[in-house]
All heavy atoms as atom14 arrays in JSON, in Angstrom:
{
  "sequence": "DAADLISHLIGLDAQGVLLQSAYLGVDDLPVEQAQVVSWLQQQL",
  "atom14_mask": [
    [1, 1, 1, 1, 1, 1, 1, 1, 0, 0, 0, 0, 0, 0],
    [1, 1, 1, 1, 1, 0, 0, 0, 0, 0, 0, 0, 0, 0],
    [1, 1, 1, 1, 1, 0, 0, 0, 0, 0, 0, 0, 0, 0],
    [1, 1, 1, 1, 1, 1, 1, 1, 0, 0, 0, 0, 0, 0],
    [1, 1, 1, 1, 1, 1, 1, 1, 0, 0, 0, 0, 0, 0],
    [1, 1, 1, 1, 1, 1, 1, 1, 0, 0, 0, 0, 0, 0],
    [1, 1, 1, 1, 1, 1, 0, 0, 0, 0, 0, 0, 0, 0],
    [1, 1, 1, 1, 1, 1, 1, 1, 1, 1, 0, 0, 0, 0],
    [1, 1, 1, 1, 1, 1, 1, 1, 0, 0, 0, 0, 0, 0],
    [1, 1, 1, 1, 1, 1, 1, 1, 0, 0, 0, 0, 0, 0],
    [1, 1, 1, 1, 0, 0, 0, 0, 0, 0, 0, 0, 0, 0],
    [1, 1, 1, 1, 1, 1, 1, 1, 0, 0, 0, 0, 0, 0],
    [1, 1, 1, 1, 1, 1, 1, 1, 0, 0, 0, 0, 0, 0],
    [1, 1, 1, 1, 1, 0, 0, 0, 0, 0, 0, 0, 0, 0],
    [1, 1, 1, 1, 1, 1, 1, 1, 1, 0, 0, 0, 0, 0],
    [1, 1, 1, 1, 0, 0, 0, 0, 0, 0, 0, 0, 0, 0],
    [1, 1, 1, 1, 1, 1, 1, 0, 0, 0, 0, 0, 0, 0],
    [1, 1, 1, 1, 1, 1, 1, 1, 0, 0, 0, 0, 0, 0],
    [1, 1, 1, 1, 1, 1, 1, 1, 0, 0, 0, 0, 0, 0],
    [1, 1, 1, 1, 1, 1, 1, 1, 1, 0, 0, 0, 0, 0],
    [1, 1, 1, 1, 1, 1, 0, 0, 0, 0, 0, 0, 0, 0],
    [1, 1, 1, 1, 1, 0, 0, 0, 0, 0, 0, 0, 0, 0],
    [1, 1, 1, 1, 1, 1, 1, 1, 1, 1, 1, 1, 0, 0],
    [1, 1, 1, 1, 1, 1, 1, 1, 0, 0, 0, 0, 0, 0],
    [1, 1, 1, 1, 0, 0, 0, 0, 0, 0, 0, 0, 0, 0],
    [1, 1, 1, 1, 1, 1, 1, 0, 0, 0, 0, 0, 0, 0],
    [1, 1, 1, 1, 1, 1, 1, 1, 0, 0, 0, 0, 0, 0],
    [1, 1, 1, 1, 1, 1, 1, 1, 0, 0, 0, 0, 0, 0],
    [1, 1, 1, 1, 1, 1, 1, 1, 0, 0, 0, 0, 0, 0],
    [1, 1, 1, 1, 1, 1, 1, 0, 0, 0, 0, 0, 0, 0],
    [1, 1, 1, 1, 1, 1, 1, 0, 0, 0, 0, 0, 0, 0],
    [1, 1, 1, 1, 1, 1, 1, 1, 1, 0, 0, 0, 0, 0],
    [1, 1, 1, 1, 1, 1, 1, 1, 1, 0, 0, 0, 0, 0],
    [1, 1, 1, 1, 1, 0, 0, 0, 0, 0, 0, 0, 0, 0],
    [1, 1, 1, 1, 1, 1, 1, 1, 1, 0, 0, 0, 0, 0],
    [1, 1, 1, 1, 1, 1, 1, 0, 0, 0, 0, 0, 0, 0],
    [1, 1, 1, 1, 1, 1, 1, 0, 0, 0, 0, 0, 0, 0],
    [1, 1, 1, 1, 1, 1, 0, 0, 0, 0, 0, 0, 0, 0],
    [1, 1, 1, 1, 1, 1, 1, 1, 1, 1, 1, 1, 1, 1],
    [1, 1, 1, 1, 1, 1, 1, 1, 0, 0, 0, 0, 0, 0],
    [1, 1, 1, 1, 1, 1, 1, 1, 1, 0, 0, 0, 0, 0],
    [1, 1, 1, 1, 1, 1, 1, 1, 1, 0, 0, 0, 0, 0],
    [1, 1, 1, 1, 1, 1, 1, 1, 1, 0, 0, 0, 0, 0],
    [1, 1, 1, 1, 1, 1, 1, 1, 0, 0, 0, 0, 0, 0]
  ],
  "atom14_positions": [
    [[93.71, 98.53, 112.9], [93.1, 99.76, 113.18], [93.95, 100.9, 112.74], [93.45, 101.95, 112.29], [92.79, 99.87, 114.67], [91.68, 99.06, 115.12], [90.69, 98.88, 114.37], [91.65, 98.57, 116.28], [0.0, 0.0, 0.0], [0.0, 0.0, 0.0], [0.0, 0.0, 0.0], [0.0, 0.0, 0.0], [0.0, 0.0, 0.0], [0.0, 0.0, 0.0]],
    [[95.25, 100.76, 112.84], [96.18, 101.76, 112.32], [96.05, 101.92, 110.83], [95.95, 103.09, 110.3], [97.69, 101.41, 112.69], [0.0, 0.0, 0.0], [0.0, 0.0, 0.0], [0.0, 0.0, 0.0], [0.0, 0.0, 0.0], [0.0, 0.0, 0.0], [0.0, 0.0, 0.0], [0.0, 0.0, 0.0], [0.0, 0.0, 0.0], [0.0, 0.0, 0.0]],
    [[96.05, 100.83, 110.12], [95.88, 100.95, 108.69], [94.46, 101.43, 108.29], [94.34, 102.33, 107.39], [96.05, 99.59, 108.09], [0.0, 0.0, 0.0], [0.0, 0.0, 0.0], [0.0, 0.0, 0.0], [0.0, 0.0, 0.0], [0.0, 0.0, 0.0], [0.0, 0.0, 0.0], [0.0, 0.0, 0.0], [0.0, 0.0, 0.0], [0.0, 0.0, 0.0]],
    [[93.5, 101.1, 109.1], [92.14, 101.64, 108.81], [92.02, 103.1, 108.94], [91.35, 103.84, 108.24], [91.12, 100.85, 109.62], [89.7, 101.25, 109.33], [89.26, 101.04, 108.18], [89.03, 101.79, 110.2], [0.0, 0.0, 0.0], [0.0, 0.0, 0.0], [0.0, 0.0, 0.0], [0.0, 0.0, 0.0], [0.0, 0.0, 0.0], [0.0, 0.0, 0.0]],
    [[92.67, 103.59, 110.0], [92.6, 105.06, 110.3], [93.27, 105.85, 109.16], [92.65, 106.8, 108.66], [93.4, 105.37, 111.56], [93.56, 106.85, 111.9], [92.24, 107.57, 111.96], [94.34, 107.03, 113.14], [0.0, 0.0, 0.0], [0.0, 0.0, 0.0], [0.0, 0.0, 0.0], [0.0, 0.0, 0.0], [0.0, 0.0, 0.0], [0.0, 0.0, 0.0]],
    [[94.39, 105.42, 108.65], [95.03, 106.1, 107.53], [94.18, 106.0, 106.28], [94.02, 106.99, 105.54], [96.43, 105.45, 107.3], [97.33, 105.74, 108.53], [97.09, 106.09, 106.06], [98.69, 104.96, 108.5], [0.0, 0.0, 0.0], [0.0, 0.0, 0.0], [0.0, 0.0, 0.0], [0.0, 0.0, 0.0], [0.0, 0.0, 0.0], [0.0, 0.0, 0.0]],
    [[93.67, 104.85, 105.99], [92.78, 104.69, 104.82], [91.54, 105.56, 104.93], [91.07, 106.19, 103.95], [92.28, 103.19, 104.76], [91.39, 103.02, 103.7], [0.0, 0.0, 0.0], [0.0, 0.0, 0.0], [0.0, 0.0, 0.0], [0.0, 0.0, 0.0], [0.0, 0.0, 0.0], [0.0, 0.0, 0.0], [0.0, 0.0, 0.0], [0.0, 0.0, 0.0]],
    [[91.0, 105.61, 106.15], [89.79, 106.41, 106.46], [90.1, 107.92, 106.21], [89.31, 108.6, 105.51], [89.35, 106.29, 107.93], [88.35, 107.2, 108.36], [86.99, 107.08, 108.05], [88.41, 108.29, 109.21], [86.25, 108.05, 108.59], [87.09, 108.76, 109.32], [0.0, 0.0, 0.0], [0.0, 0.0, 0.0], [0.0, 0.0, 0.0], [0.0, 0.0, 0.0]],
    [[91.23, 108.42, 106.69], [91.67, 109.81, 106.44], [91.85, 110.11, 104.93], [91.51, 111.18, 104.47], [92.9, 110.13, 107.23], [92.71, 110.12, 108.75], [94.11, 110.3, 109.43], [91.69, 111.13, 109.21], [0.0, 0.0, 0.0], [0.0, 0.0, 0.0], [0.0, 0.0, 0.0], [0.0, 0.0, 0.0], [0.0, 0.0, 0.0], [0.0, 0.0, 0.0]],
    [[92.42, 109.21, 104.17], [92.63, 109.36, 102.76], [91.28, 109.53, 102.12], [91.08, 110.43, 101.23], [93.46, 108.23, 102.13], [94.89, 108.26, 102.62], [93.38, 108.33, 100.61], [95.67, 107.02, 102.17], [0.0, 0.0, 0.0], [0.0, 0.0, 0.0], [0.0, 0.0, 0.0], [0.0, 0.0, 0.0], [0.0, 0.0, 0.0], [0.0, 0.0, 0.0]],
    [[90.39, 108.68, 102.44], [89.03, 108.71, 101.93], [88.31, 110.01, 102.23], [87.64, 110.63, 101.27], [0.0, 0.0, 0.0], [0.0, 0.0, 0.0], [0.0, 0.0, 0.0], [0.0, 0.0, 0.0], [0.0, 0.0, 0.0], [0.0, 0.0, 0.0], [0.0, 0.0, 0.0], [0.0, 0.0, 0.0], [0.0, 0.0, 0.0], [0.0, 0.0, 0.0]],
    [[88.41, 110.53, 103.39], [87.85, 111.83, 103.7], [88.47, 112.93, 102.88], [87.76, 113.84, 102.34], [88.05, 112.1, 105.22], [87.31, 111.19, 106.24], [87.68, 111.68, 107.68], [85.84, 111.33, 105.98], [0.0, 0.0, 0.0], [0.0, 0.0, 0.0], [0.0, 0.0, 0.0], [0.0, 0.0, 0.0], [0.0, 0.0, 0.0], [0.0, 0.0, 0.0]],
    [[89.77, 112.92, 102.78], [90.4, 113.98, 101.92], [90.01, 113.93, 100.49], [89.75, 114.96, 99.84], [91.95, 113.88, 102.04], [92.63, 115.03, 101.44], [92.83, 116.03, 102.18], [93.04, 115.04, 100.31], [0.0, 0.0, 0.0], [0.0, 0.0, 0.0], [0.0, 0.0, 0.0], [0.0, 0.0, 0.0], [0.0, 0.0, 0.0], [0.0, 0.0, 0.0]],
    [[89.81, 112.67, 100.01], [89.37, 112.52, 98.58], [87.98, 113.05, 98.44], [87.58, 113.48, 97.29], [89.45, 111.03, 98.23], [0.0, 0.0, 0.0], [0.0, 0.0, 0.0], [0.0, 0.0, 0.0], [0.0, 0.0, 0.0], [0.0, 0.0, 0.0], [0.0, 0.0, 0.0], [0.0, 0.0, 0.0], [0.0, 0.0, 0.0], [0.0, 0.0, 0.0]],
    [[87.2, 113.03, 99.45], [85.85, 113.57, 99.44], [85.7, 115.02, 99.66], [84.64, 115.64, 99.66], [84.94, 112.86, 100.5], [84.72, 111.36, 100.26], [84.16, 110.62, 101.51], [83.5, 111.26, 102.23], [84.49, 109.38, 101.66], [0.0, 0.0, 0.0], [0.0, 0.0, 0.0], [0.0, 0.0, 0.0], [0.0, 0.0, 0.0], [0.0, 0.0, 0.0]],
    [[86.89, 115.64, 99.89], [86.91, 117.08, 100.1], [86.72, 117.59, 101.56], [86.57, 118.71, 101.79], [0.0, 0.0, 0.0], [0.0, 0.0, 0.0], [0.0, 0.0, 0.0], [0.0, 0.0, 0.0], [0.0, 0.0, 0.0], [0.0, 0.0, 0.0], [0.0, 0.0, 0.0], [0.0, 0.0, 0.0], [0.0, 0.0, 0.0], [0.0, 0.0, 0.0]],
    [[86.81, 116.58, 102.49], [86.71, 116.94, 103.89], [87.98, 117.59, 104.38], [89.12, 117.11, 104.02], [86.39, 115.71, 104.71], [86.41, 116.01, 106.19], [85.09, 115.11, 104.29], [0.0, 0.0, 0.0], [0.0, 0.0, 0.0], [0.0, 0.0, 0.0], [0.0, 0.0, 0.0], [0.0, 0.0, 0.0], [0.0, 0.0, 0.0], [0.0, 0.0, 0.0]],
    [[87.91, 118.71, 105.05], [89.11, 119.34, 105.6], [89.72, 118.58, 106.66], [89.08, 118.36, 107.74], [88.74, 120.84, 106.03], [89.92, 121.66, 106.5], [90.94, 121.87, 105.42], [89.39, 122.98, 107.07], [0.0, 0.0, 0.0], [0.0, 0.0, 0.0], [0.0, 0.0, 0.0], [0.0, 0.0, 0.0], [0.0, 0.0, 0.0], [0.0, 0.0, 0.0]],
    [[90.93, 118.14, 106.58], [91.67, 117.41, 107.63], [92.49, 118.34, 108.52], [92.94, 119.39, 108.06], [92.54, 116.35, 107.03], [91.86, 115.21, 106.17], [92.89, 114.17, 105.77], [90.76, 114.56, 106.96], [0.0, 0.0, 0.0], [0.0, 0.0, 0.0], [0.0, 0.0, 0.0], [0.0, 0.0, 0.0], [0.0, 0.0, 0.0], [0.0, 0.0, 0.0]],
    [[92.73, 117.88, 109.74], [93.57, 118.54, 110.62], [95.08, 118.15, 110.3], [95.3, 117.25, 109.57], [93.26, 118.11, 112.07], [91.85, 118.47, 112.5], [91.62, 119.88, 112.8], [92.56, 120.64, 112.93], [90.39, 120.25, 112.94], [0.0, 0.0, 0.0], [0.0, 0.0, 0.0], [0.0, 0.0, 0.0], [0.0, 0.0, 0.0], [0.0, 0.0, 0.0]],
    [[95.96, 118.91, 110.93], [97.37, 118.64, 110.62], [97.91, 117.43, 111.37], [99.02, 116.94, 111.07], [98.23, 119.88, 110.97], [98.12, 120.17, 112.39], [0.0, 0.0, 0.0], [0.0, 0.0, 0.0], [0.0, 0.0, 0.0], [0.0, 0.0, 0.0], [0.0, 0.0, 0.0], [0.0, 0.0, 0.0], [0.0, 0.0, 0.0], [0.0, 0.0, 0.0]],
    [[97.18, 116.97, 112.4], [97.7, 115.82, 113.17], [96.51, 115.06, 113.77], [95.46, 115.65, 114.19], [98.65, 116.24, 114.33], [0.0, 0.0, 0.0], [0.0, 0.0, 0.0], [0.0, 0.0, 0.0], [0.0, 0.0, 0.0], [0.0, 0.0, 0.0], [0.0, 0.0, 0.0], [0.0, 0.0, 0.0], [0.0, 0.0, 0.0], [0.0, 0.0, 0.0]],
    [[96.76, 113.7, 113.9], [95.68, 112.82, 114.5], [96.49, 111.83, 115.42], [97.53, 111.36, 114.99], [94.89, 112.08, 113.51], [93.9, 113.04, 112.77], [94.31, 113.56, 111.53], [92.63, 113.33, 113.23], [93.39, 114.4, 110.8], [91.72, 114.11, 112.55], [92.18, 114.67, 111.3], [91.35, 115.51, 110.65], [0.0, 0.0, 0.0], [0.0, 0.0, 0.0]],
    [[95.9, 111.53, 116.48], [96.44, 110.45, 117.33], [95.79, 109.07, 116.96], [94.57, 109.06, 117.02], [96.15, 110.72, 118.85], [97.21, 111.53, 119.59], [96.77, 111.96, 120.94], [98.54, 110.75, 119.71], [0.0, 0.0, 0.0], [0.0, 0.0, 0.0], [0.0, 0.0, 0.0], [0.0, 0.0, 0.0], [0.0, 0.0, 0.0], [0.0, 0.0, 0.0]],
    [[96.57, 108.15, 116.63], [96.09, 106.82, 116.37], [96.33, 105.87, 117.51], [97.4, 105.19, 117.65], [0.0, 0.0, 0.0], [0.0, 0.0, 0.0], [0.0, 0.0, 0.0], [0.0, 0.0, 0.0], [0.0, 0.0, 0.0], [0.0, 0.0, 0.0], [0.0, 0.0, 0.0], [0.0, 0.0, 0.0], [0.0, 0.0, 0.0], [0.0, 0.0, 0.0]],
    [[95.31, 105.78, 118.39], [95.47, 104.9, 119.57], [94.04, 104.28, 119.85], [93.04, 104.73, 119.33], [95.9, 105.67, 120.87], [97.23, 106.3, 120.64], [94.89, 106.76, 121.16], [0.0, 0.0, 0.0], [0.0, 0.0, 0.0], [0.0, 0.0, 0.0], [0.0, 0.0, 0.0], [0.0, 0.0, 0.0], [0.0, 0.0, 0.0], [0.0, 0.0, 0.0]],
    [[93.99, 103.25, 120.64], [92.74, 102.66, 121.0], [92.09, 103.53, 122.11], [92.53, 104.57, 122.45], [92.86, 101.16, 121.35], [93.64, 100.91, 122.64], [93.79, 101.82, 123.43], [94.1, 99.79, 122.82], [0.0, 0.0, 0.0], [0.0, 0.0, 0.0], [0.0, 0.0, 0.0], [0.0, 0.0, 0.0], [0.0, 0.0, 0.0], [0.0, 0.0, 0.0]],
    [[90.98, 103.01, 122.67], [90.16, 103.76, 123.53], [90.69, 103.72, 125.01], [90.15, 104.46, 125.88], [88.75, 103.31, 123.54], [87.96, 103.6, 122.26], [88.5, 104.42, 121.48], [86.95, 102.92, 121.96], [0.0, 0.0, 0.0], [0.0, 0.0, 0.0], [0.0, 0.0, 0.0], [0.0, 0.0, 0.0], [0.0, 0.0, 0.0], [0.0, 0.0, 0.0]],
    [[91.68, 102.85, 125.29], [91.92, 102.64, 126.74], [93.42, 102.64, 127.06], [94.17, 101.56, 126.9], [91.41, 101.19, 127.14], [91.55, 100.84, 128.63], [90.75, 101.78, 129.47], [91.12, 99.44, 128.85], [0.0, 0.0, 0.0], [0.0, 0.0, 0.0], [0.0, 0.0, 0.0], [0.0, 0.0, 0.0], [0.0, 0.0, 0.0], [0.0, 0.0, 0.0]],
    [[93.99, 103.77, 127.39], [95.36, 103.79, 128.05], [95.35, 102.98, 129.25], [94.32, 102.94, 130.03], [95.55, 105.25, 128.3], [94.52, 106.0, 127.56], [93.33, 105.15, 127.43], [0.0, 0.0, 0.0], [0.0, 0.0, 0.0], [0.0, 0.0, 0.0], [0.0, 0.0, 0.0], [0.0, 0.0, 0.0], [0.0, 0.0, 0.0], [0.0, 0.0, 0.0]],
    [[96.37, 102.18, 129.5], [96.37, 101.3, 130.64], [97.78, 101.05, 131.16], [98.77, 101.13, 130.46], [95.76, 99.98, 130.22], [96.54, 99.2, 129.13], [95.51, 98.99, 131.36], [0.0, 0.0, 0.0], [0.0, 0.0, 0.0], [0.0, 0.0, 0.0], [0.0, 0.0, 0.0], [0.0, 0.0, 0.0], [0.0, 0.0, 0.0], [0.0, 0.0, 0.0]],
    [[97.89, 100.8, 132.49], [99.19, 100.58, 133.11], [99.77, 99.25, 132.5], [99.09, 98.27, 132.31], [99.06, 100.47, 134.54], [98.68, 101.72, 135.29], [98.62, 101.6, 136.8], [98.48, 100.44, 137.26], [98.57, 102.61, 137.52], [0.0, 0.0, 0.0], [0.0, 0.0, 0.0], [0.0, 0.0, 0.0], [0.0, 0.0, 0.0], [0.0, 0.0, 0.0]],
    [[101.07, 99.28, 132.27], [101.83, 98.13, 131.82], [101.62, 96.91, 132.65], [101.31, 95.78, 132.12], [103.28, 98.43, 131.61], [104.08, 97.34, 130.99], [105.56, 97.67, 130.94], [106.18, 97.93, 131.91], [106.12, 97.7, 129.8], [0.0, 0.0, 0.0], [0.0, 0.0, 0.0], [0.0, 0.0, 0.0], [0.0, 0.0, 0.0], [0.0, 0.0, 0.0]],
    [[101.62, 97.13, 133.96], [101.5, 96.03, 134.89], [100.11, 95.36, 134.75], [100.03, 94.09, 134.89], [101.76, 96.49, 136.35], [0.0, 0.0, 0.0], [0.0, 0.0, 0.0], [0.0, 0.0, 0.0], [0.0, 0.0, 0.0], [0.0, 0.0, 0.0], [0.0, 0.0, 0.0], [0.0, 0.0, 0.0], [0.0, 0.0, 0.0], [0.0, 0.0, 0.0]],
    [[99.11, 96.18, 134.46], [97.77, 95.58, 134.32], [97.59, 94.72, 133.12], [96.96, 93.68, 133.16], [96.74, 96.75, 134.3], [95.29, 96.23, 134.26], [94.3, 97.43, 134.27], [94.61, 98.53, 134.78], [93.12, 97.29, 133.71], [0.0, 0.0, 0.0], [0.0, 0.0, 0.0], [0.0, 0.0, 0.0], [0.0, 0.0, 0.0], [0.0, 0.0, 0.0]],
    [[98.29, 95.09, 132.04], [98.28, 94.38, 130.83], [98.97, 93.05, 131.05], [98.46, 91.95, 130.67], [98.92, 95.15, 129.62], [98.91, 94.25, 128.33], [98.24, 96.49, 129.39], [0.0, 0.0, 0.0], [0.0, 0.0, 0.0], [0.0, 0.0, 0.0], [0.0, 0.0, 0.0], [0.0, 0.0, 0.0], [0.0, 0.0, 0.0], [0.0, 0.0, 0.0]],
    [[100.09, 93.05, 131.67], [100.85, 91.81, 131.95], [99.97, 90.88, 132.81], [99.92, 89.7, 132.53], [102.23, 92.14, 132.61], [102.9, 90.9, 133.09], [103.1, 92.94, 131.7], [0.0, 0.0, 0.0], [0.0, 0.0, 0.0], [0.0, 0.0, 0.0], [0.0, 0.0, 0.0], [0.0, 0.0, 0.0], [0.0, 0.0, 0.0], [0.0, 0.0, 0.0]],
    [[99.45, 91.41, 133.87], [98.67, 90.58, 134.78], [97.47, 89.86, 134.02], [97.25, 88.68, 134.21], [98.12, 91.39, 135.97], [97.32, 90.62, 136.77], [0.0, 0.0, 0.0], [0.0, 0.0, 0.0], [0.0, 0.0, 0.0], [0.0, 0.0, 0.0], [0.0, 0.0, 0.0], [0.0, 0.0, 0.0], [0.0, 0.0, 0.0], [0.0, 0.0, 0.0]],
    [[96.76, 90.66, 133.21], [95.68, 90.11, 132.49], [96.14, 89.05, 131.45], [95.5, 87.97, 131.4], [94.94, 91.26, 131.76], [93.68, 90.73, 131.03], [92.43, 90.53, 131.51], [93.65, 90.4, 129.66], [91.56, 90.11, 130.5], [92.34, 90.05, 129.32], [94.59, 90.46, 128.58], [91.9, 89.65, 128.15], [94.16, 90.05, 127.34], [92.84, 89.63, 127.13]],
    [[97.21, 89.33, 130.74], [97.73, 88.34, 129.78], [98.17, 87.1, 130.52], [97.9, 85.93, 130.0], [98.89, 88.91, 128.99], [98.54, 89.9, 127.92], [99.79, 90.52, 127.37], [97.7, 89.24, 126.8], [0.0, 0.0, 0.0], [0.0, 0.0, 0.0], [0.0, 0.0, 0.0], [0.0, 0.0, 0.0], [0.0, 0.0, 0.0], [0.0, 0.0, 0.0]],
    [[98.77, 87.17, 131.72], [99.23, 85.96, 132.42], [97.99, 85.16, 132.73], [98.07, 83.91, 132.64], [99.96, 86.41, 133.69], [101.33, 86.91, 133.46], [101.99, 87.34, 134.79], [101.35, 87.78, 135.64], [103.35, 87.3, 134.75], [0.0, 0.0, 0.0], [0.0, 0.0, 0.0], [0.0, 0.0, 0.0], [0.0, 0.0, 0.0], [0.0, 0.0, 0.0]],
    [[96.9, 85.75, 133.15], [95.69, 85.02, 133.49], [95.08, 84.27, 132.26], [94.7, 83.14, 132.36], [94.61, 85.95, 134.04], [95.0, 86.52, 135.39], [93.97, 87.57, 135.85], [92.82, 87.58, 135.34], [94.33, 88.42, 136.73], [0.0, 0.0, 0.0], [0.0, 0.0, 0.0], [0.0, 0.0, 0.0], [0.0, 0.0, 0.0], [0.0, 0.0, 0.0]],
    [[95.14, 84.97, 131.08], [94.59, 84.36, 129.93], [95.48, 83.22, 129.33], [94.99, 82.25, 128.86], [94.47, 85.49, 128.8], [93.68, 86.65, 129.12], [92.21, 86.24, 129.61], [91.52, 85.44, 128.85], [91.77, 86.8, 130.73], [0.0, 0.0, 0.0], [0.0, 0.0, 0.0], [0.0, 0.0, 0.0], [0.0, 0.0, 0.0], [0.0, 0.0, 0.0]],
    [[96.78, 83.34, 129.55], [97.76, 82.41, 129.01], [98.03, 81.28, 130.0], [98.65, 80.24, 129.63], [99.03, 83.06, 128.62], [99.01, 84.13, 127.5], [100.28, 84.94, 127.5], [98.79, 83.4, 126.15], [0.0, 0.0, 0.0], [0.0, 0.0, 0.0], [0.0, 0.0, 0.0], [0.0, 0.0, 0.0], [0.0, 0.0, 0.0], [0.0, 0.0, 0.0]]
  ]
}
């Protein structure tokens, strides 16, 4: 997704779309570290 975002922004600029000076590259869900660990333990 990180690579795709950068590729996507390059494509927009090449099309003449005005880009902002900064973008955040993150997924849709900030989450507590403990929650990620607990879920991974269950899966593993």
